[in-house]
Amino acid sequence: MENRVIVLMGPAGAGKSTVASYIEEKWQVPQVITHTTRKKREGEVDGQDYYFESPATFPKNHYLEEVEYAGNRYGSSMEGLERGWQKNHLVSIVLDTKGGETYLEKLGDKVCLLYITVSNASILKKRLVGRGDDEVAIEKRLNSAEFKRDLQLPVEMQGQAEVIYNDNWDETKEEIDKLIKRLK
């Protein structure tokens, strides 16, 4: 089987990490762990949720793509992707739409783009509050150019990306299951 990567994209609060966890638990599709300089949230584990880096250590890695989002740096490495492929020919990774474009450019047919969104943007703020982010961080994120960019699928990706509206978790799981069955 050819190695593939499911690139999960969408605005903050759409449920990308939840979808990635579901895919891993139900379908044994490992998540590629990315690097970030953002602060660890309660319950997150270094090396499991992200590799949490300081601004000094972040540049020491070799990135396939990297981006600054709401004042924090995020990046994914080819080595991390290869580690995932050693476990399974199908892996997933959570990226922003800019990262998704880079993966598509660099990895071509190995990439399956999956854009997760919601039907009403007010749901996103409610979810950000619900996951424990502080009010200042939430407002900073909601007002960032990156958040606004990720609110919609870029024109270049339309027709290439699967789009799932994550308003109802049971329906979302059904859509994901259909996608994974096609890719396996």
C-alpha atoms as a PDB file:
ATOM      1  CA  MET A   1       0.000   0.000   0.000  1.00  0.00           C
ATOM      2  CA  GLU A   2       1.161   3.493  -0.819  1.00  0.00           C
ATOM      3  CA  ASN A   3       1.794   5.843   2.093  1.00  0.00           C
ATOM      4  CA  ARG A   4      -0.900   8.525   2.480  1.00  0.00           C
ATOM      5  CA  VAL A   5      -1.500  11.401   4.868  1.00  0.00           C
ATOM      6  CA  ILE A   6      -4.900  12.820   5.793  1.00  0.00           C
ATOM      7  CA  VAL A   7      -4.411  16.554   6.310  1.00  0.00           C
ATOM      8  CA  LEU A   8      -7.064  17.858   8.717  1.00  0.00           C
ATOM      9  CA  MET A   9      -7.660  21.578   8.273  1.00  0.00           C
ATOM     10  CA  GLY A  10     -10.229  24.117   9.406  1.00  0.00           C
ATOM     11  CA  PRO A  11     -10.736  26.991  11.816  1.00  0.00           C
ATOM     12  CA  ALA A  12      -9.836  26.773  15.500  1.00  0.00           C
ATOM     13  CA  GLY A  13     -12.645  25.064  17.385  1.00  0.00           C
ATOM     14  CA  ALA A  14     -13.959  23.110  14.380  1.00  0.00           C
ATOM     15  CA  GLY A  15     -12.877  19.794  15.902  1.00  0.00           C
ATOM     16  CA  LYS A  16      -9.710  18.878  13.985  1.00  0.00           C
ATOM     17  CA  SER A  17      -7.947  17.329  16.985  1.00  0.00           C
ATOM     18  CA  THR A  18     -11.118  15.504  18.032  1.00  0.00           C
ATOM     19  CA  VAL A  19     -11.417  14.057  14.520  1.00  0.00           C
ATOM     20  CA  ALA A  20      -7.730  13.064  14.531  1.00  0.00           C
ATOM     21  CA  SER A  21      -8.187  11.279  17.878  1.00  0.00           C
ATOM     22  CA  TYR A  22     -11.301   9.494  16.612  1.00  0.00           C
ATOM     23  CA  ILE A  23      -9.479   8.307  13.466  1.00  0.00           C
ATOM     24  CA  GLU A  24      -6.609   7.025  15.587  1.00  0.00           C
ATOM     25  CA  GLU A  25      -8.820   5.234  18.118  1.00  0.00           C
ATOM     26  CA  LYS A  26     -11.319   3.666  15.698  1.00  0.00           C
ATOM     27  CA  TRP A  27      -9.121   3.080  12.635  1.00  0.00           C
ATOM     28  CA  GLN A  28      -5.594   2.880  14.140  1.00  0.00           C
ATOM     29  CA  VAL A  29      -4.472   5.764  11.908  1.00  0.00           C
ATOM     30  CA  PRO A  30      -1.631   7.413  13.855  1.00  0.00           C
ATOM     31  CA  GLN A  31      -1.413  11.162  14.189  1.00  0.00           C
ATOM     32  CA  VAL A  32       1.778  12.840  13.058  1.00  0.00           C
ATOM     33  CA  ILE A  33       2.921  14.876  16.037  1.00  0.00           C
ATOM     34  CA  THR A  34       3.775  18.473  15.208  1.00  0.00           C
ATOM     35  CA  HIS A  35       5.851  21.073  17.029  1.00  0.00           C
ATOM     36  CA  THR A  36       4.594  24.303  18.609  1.00  0.00           C
ATOM     37  CA  THR A  37       5.757  27.177  20.781  1.00  0.00           C
ATOM     38  CA  ARG A  38       2.277  27.695  22.281  1.00  0.00           C
ATOM     39  CA  LYS A  39       1.698  26.985  25.952  1.00  0.00           C
ATOM     40  CA  LYS A  40       0.532  23.520  26.933  1.00  0.00           C
ATOM     41  CA  ARG A  41      -3.195  23.273  27.793  1.00  0.00           C
ATOM     42  CA  GLU A  42      -4.345  21.361  30.845  1.00  0.00           C
ATOM     43  CA  GLY A  43      -4.179  17.633  30.136  1.00  0.00           C
ATOM     44  CA  GLU A  44      -1.886  17.916  27.112  1.00  0.00           C
ATOM     45  CA  VAL A  45       1.234  15.756  27.061  1.00  0.00           C
ATOM     46  CA  ASP A  46       4.532  16.704  25.431  1.00  0.00           C
ATOM     47  CA  GLY A  47       5.387  14.230  22.664  1.00  0.00           C
ATOM     48  CA  GLN A  48       1.785  13.033  22.462  1.00  0.00           C
ATOM     49  CA  ASP A  49      -0.319  16.104  21.667  1.00  0.00           C
ATOM     50  CA  TYR A  50       2.541  18.264  20.360  1.00  0.00           C
ATOM     51  CA  TYR A  51       6.246  18.606  20.838  1.00  0.00           C
ATOM     52  CA  PHE A  52       6.166  21.760  22.966  1.00  0.00           C
ATOM     53  CA  GLU A  53       9.157  23.920  22.052  1.00  0.00           C
ATOM     54  CA  SER A  54      10.579  27.159  23.326  1.00  0.00           C
ATOM     55  CA  PRO A  55      11.265  29.979  20.858  1.00  0.00           C
ATOM     56  CA  ALA A  56      14.951  28.992  21.175  1.00  0.00           C
ATOM     57  CA  THR A  57      14.516  25.263  20.430  1.00  0.00           C
ATOM     58  CA  PHE A  58      11.844  25.572  17.710  1.00  0.00           C
ATOM     59  CA  PRO A  59      14.245  26.586  14.874  1.00  0.00           C
ATOM     60  CA  LYS A  60      16.513  23.581  15.532  1.00  0.00           C
ATOM     61  CA  ASN A  61      14.109  21.143  13.815  1.00  0.00           C
ATOM     62  CA  HIS A  62      13.867  20.389  10.064  1.00  0.00           C
ATOM     63  CA  TYR A  63      10.372  21.315   8.920  1.00  0.00           C
ATOM     64  CA  LEU A  64       8.343  20.219   5.920  1.00  0.00           C
ATOM     65  CA  GLU A  65       6.158  23.216   6.689  1.00  0.00           C
ATOM     66  CA  GLU A  66       5.950  25.809   9.430  1.00  0.00           C
ATOM     67  CA  VAL A  67       3.658  28.702  10.182  1.00  0.00           C
ATOM     68  CA  GLU A  68       3.029  31.373  12.774  1.00  0.00           C
ATOM     69  CA  TYR A  69      -0.545  31.361  14.081  1.00  0.00           C
ATOM     70  CA  ALA A  70      -1.895  33.810  16.661  1.00  0.00           C
ATOM     71  CA  GLY A  71       1.635  34.632  17.831  1.00  0.00           C
ATOM     72  CA  ASN A  72       2.767  30.992  18.177  1.00  0.00           C
ATOM     73  CA  ARG A  73       4.879  28.916  15.813  1.00  0.00           C
ATOM     74  CA  TYR A  74       3.793  25.501  14.523  1.00  0.00           C
ATOM     75  CA  GLY A  75       5.686  23.090  12.294  1.00  0.00           C
ATOM     76  CA  SER A  76       5.754  19.515  11.027  1.00  0.00           C
ATOM     77  CA  SER A  77       8.819  17.573  10.013  1.00  0.00           C
ATOM     78  CA  MET A  78       9.382  14.932   7.335  1.00  0.00           C
ATOM     79  CA  GLU A  79      10.943  12.804  10.074  1.00  0.00           C
ATOM     80  CA  GLY A  80       7.674  12.944  12.029  1.00  0.00           C
ATOM     81  CA  LEU A  81       5.752  11.893   8.920  1.00  0.00           C
ATOM     82  CA  GLU A  82       8.148   8.984   8.314  1.00  0.00           C
ATOM     83  CA  ARG A  83       7.779   7.880  11.967  1.00  0.00           C
ATOM     84  CA  GLY A  84       4.007   7.769  11.453  1.00  0.00           C
ATOM     85  CA  TRP A  85       4.348   5.790   8.206  1.00  0.00           C
ATOM     86  CA  GLN A  86       6.486   3.217  10.010  1.00  0.00           C
ATOM     87  CA  LYS A  87       3.362   2.442  12.088  1.00  0.00           C
ATOM     88  CA  ASN A  88       0.747   2.560   9.299  1.00  0.00           C
ATOM     89  CA  HIS A  89       0.603   3.427   5.588  1.00  0.00           C
ATOM     90  CA  LEU A  90      -2.167   5.912   6.457  1.00  0.00           C
ATOM     91  CA  VAL A  91      -1.526   8.726   8.959  1.00  0.00           C
ATOM     92  CA  SER A  92      -3.249  11.994   9.861  1.00  0.00           C
ATOM     93  CA  ILE A  93      -1.954  15.449  10.696  1.00  0.00           C
ATOM     94  CA  VAL A  94      -3.660  18.636  11.893  1.00  0.00           C
ATOM     95  CA  LEU A  95      -2.528  21.691   9.917  1.00  0.00           C
ATOM     96  CA  ASP A  96      -3.874  25.079   8.942  1.00  0.00           C
ATOM     97  CA  THR A  97      -4.912  25.665   5.324  1.00  0.00           C
ATOM     98  CA  LYS A  98      -1.513  27.167   4.489  1.00  0.00           C
ATOM     99  CA  GLY A  99       0.180  23.995   5.757  1.00  0.00           C
ATOM    100  CA  GLY A 100      -2.309  21.922   3.754  1.00  0.00           C
ATOM    101  CA  GLU A 101      -1.312  23.792   0.591  1.00  0.00           C
ATOM    102  CA  THR A 102       2.375  23.106   1.314  1.00  0.00           C
ATOM    103  CA  TYR A 103       1.739  19.392   1.881  1.00  0.00           C
ATOM    104  CA  LEU A 104      -0.235  19.186  -1.361  1.00  0.00           C
ATOM    105  CA  GLU A 105       2.587  20.926  -3.263  1.00  0.00           C
ATOM    106  CA  LYS A 106       5.360  18.790  -1.742  1.00  0.00           C
ATOM    107  CA  LEU A 107       3.643  15.384  -1.394  1.00  0.00           C
ATOM    108  CA  GLY A 108       1.022  15.447  -4.185  1.00  0.00           C
ATOM    109  CA  ASP A 109      -1.034  12.246  -4.452  1.00  0.00           C
ATOM    110  CA  LYS A 110       0.049  11.092  -0.985  1.00  0.00           C
ATOM    111  CA  VAL A 111      -2.216  13.816   0.484  1.00  0.00           C
ATOM    112  CA  CYS A 112      -5.937  13.579   1.255  1.00  0.00           C
ATOM    113  CA  LEU A 113      -7.220  17.007   2.291  1.00  0.00           C
ATOM    114  CA  LEU A 114     -10.060  17.039   4.842  1.00  0.00           C
ATOM    115  CA  TYR A 115     -11.531  20.417   5.739  1.00  0.00           C
ATOM    116  CA  ILE A 116     -13.495  20.381   9.008  1.00  0.00           C
ATOM    117  CA  THR A 117     -15.841  23.296   9.638  1.00  0.00           C
ATOM    118  CA  VAL A 118     -19.176  24.198  11.229  1.00  0.00           C
ATOM    119  CA  SER A 119     -22.296  25.794   9.780  1.00  0.00           C
ATOM    120  CA  ASN A 120     -22.235  28.769  12.169  1.00  0.00           C
ATOM    121  CA  ALA A 121     -19.054  30.570  13.298  1.00  0.00           C
ATOM    122  CA  SER A 122     -20.536  31.308  16.768  1.00  0.00           C
ATOM    123  CA  ILE A 123     -20.111  27.588  17.529  1.00  0.00           C
ATOM    124  CA  LEU A 124     -16.334  28.027  17.211  1.00  0.00           C
ATOM    125  CA  LYS A 125     -16.060  30.604  20.017  1.00  0.00           C
ATOM    126  CA  LYS A 126     -18.255  28.457  22.268  1.00  0.00           C
ATOM    127  CA  ARG A 127     -15.950  25.462  21.675  1.00  0.00           C
ATOM    128  CA  LEU A 128     -12.795  27.523  22.319  1.00  0.00           C
ATOM    129  CA  VAL A 129     -14.244  28.652  25.654  1.00  0.00           C
ATOM    130  CA  GLY A 130     -15.281  25.054  26.414  1.00  0.00           C
ATOM    131  CA  ARG A 131     -11.782  23.678  25.952  1.00  0.00           C
ATOM    132  CA  GLY A 132     -10.356  25.989  28.588  1.00  0.00           C
ATOM    133  CA  ASP A 133      -8.563  28.664  26.568  1.00  0.00           C
ATOM    134  CA  ASP A 134      -8.420  31.996  28.430  1.00  0.00           C
ATOM    135  CA  GLU A 135     -10.514  34.911  27.154  1.00  0.00           C
ATOM    136  CA  VAL A 136      -7.504  36.979  25.988  1.00  0.00           C
ATOM    137  CA  ALA A 137      -6.098  34.044  23.982  1.00  0.00           C
ATOM    138  CA  ILE A 138      -9.538  33.359  22.476  1.00  0.00           C
ATOM    139  CA  GLU A 139     -10.028  36.964  21.365  1.00  0.00           C
ATOM    140  CA  LYS A 140      -6.489  37.085  19.963  1.00  0.00           C
ATOM    141  CA  ARG A 141      -7.131  33.897  17.995  1.00  0.00           C
ATOM    142  CA  LEU A 142     -10.591  34.960  16.716  1.00  0.00           C
ATOM    143  CA  ASN A 143      -9.155  38.263  15.497  1.00  0.00           C
ATOM    144  CA  SER A 144      -6.043  36.796  13.878  1.00  0.00           C
ATOM    145  CA  ALA A 145      -5.581  36.875  10.108  1.00  0.00           C
ATOM    146  CA  GLU A 146      -4.855  33.123  10.216  1.00  0.00           C
ATOM    147  CA  PHE A 147      -8.183  32.317  11.902  1.00  0.00           C
ATOM    148  CA  LYS A 148     -10.047  34.432   9.369  1.00  0.00           C
ATOM    149  CA  ARG A 149      -8.149  32.713   6.527  1.00  0.00           C
ATOM    150  CA  ASP A 150      -9.024  29.251   7.865  1.00  0.00           C
ATOM    151  CA  LEU A 151     -12.745  30.089   8.143  1.00  0.00           C
ATOM    152  CA  GLN A 152     -13.076  29.032   4.533  1.00  0.00           C
ATOM    153  CA  LEU A 153     -11.461  26.519   2.252  1.00  0.00           C
ATOM    154  CA  PRO A 154      -9.026  28.263  -0.121  1.00  0.00           C
ATOM    155  CA  VAL A 155     -10.218  28.432  -3.730  1.00  0.00           C
ATOM    156  CA  GLU A 156      -7.181  26.393  -4.879  1.00  0.00           C
ATOM    157  CA  MET A 157      -8.305  23.477  -2.699  1.00  0.00           C
ATOM    158  CA  GLN A 158     -11.969  23.470  -3.659  1.00  0.00           C
ATOM    159  CA  GLY A 159     -12.705  20.269  -5.522  1.00  0.00           C
ATOM    160  CA  GLN A 160      -9.571  18.652  -4.035  1.00  0.00           C
ATOM    161  CA  ALA A 161     -10.602  18.607  -0.369  1.00  0.00           C
ATOM    162  CA  GLU A 162     -13.320  16.629   1.352  1.00  0.00           C
ATOM    163  CA  VAL A 163     -15.480  18.991   3.442  1.00  0.00           C
ATOM    164  CA  ILE A 164     -17.222  17.857   6.625  1.00  0.00           C
ATOM    165  CA  TYR A 165     -19.510  20.078   8.707  1.00  0.00           C
ATOM    166  CA  ASN A 166     -18.883  19.075  12.318  1.00  0.00           C
ATOM    167  CA  ASP A 167     -22.187  20.283  13.782  1.00  0.00           C
ATOM    168  CA  ASN A 168     -23.387  16.834  14.860  1.00  0.00           C
ATOM    169  CA  TRP A 169     -20.711  14.430  16.130  1.00  0.00           C
ATOM    170  CA  ASP A 170     -22.577  11.241  15.139  1.00  0.00           C
ATOM    171  CA  GLU A 171     -23.007  12.483  11.557  1.00  0.00           C
ATOM    172  CA  THR A 172     -19.374  13.619  11.481  1.00  0.00           C
ATOM    173  CA  LYS A 173     -18.205  10.141  12.544  1.00  0.00           C
ATOM    174  CA  GLU A 174     -20.290   8.555   9.765  1.00  0.00           C
ATOM    175  CA  GLU A 175     -18.693  10.841   7.157  1.00  0.00           C
ATOM    176  CA  ILE A 176     -15.202  10.122   8.503  1.00  0.00           C
ATOM    177  CA  ASP A 177     -15.836   6.367   8.494  1.00  0.00           C
ATOM    178  CA  LYS A 178     -16.851   6.525   4.807  1.00  0.00           C
ATOM    179  CA  LEU A 179     -13.675   8.445   3.976  1.00  0.00           C
ATOM    180  CA  ILE A 180     -11.353   6.073   5.860  1.00  0.00           C
ATOM    181  CA  LYS A 181     -12.956   3.012   4.226  1.00  0.00           C
ATOM    182  CA  ARG A 182     -12.194   4.552   0.812  1.00  0.00           C
ATOM    183  CA  LEU A 183      -8.576   5.258   1.774  1.00  0.00           C
ATOM    184  CA  LYS A 184      -7.749   1.908   3.461  1.00  0.00           C
END
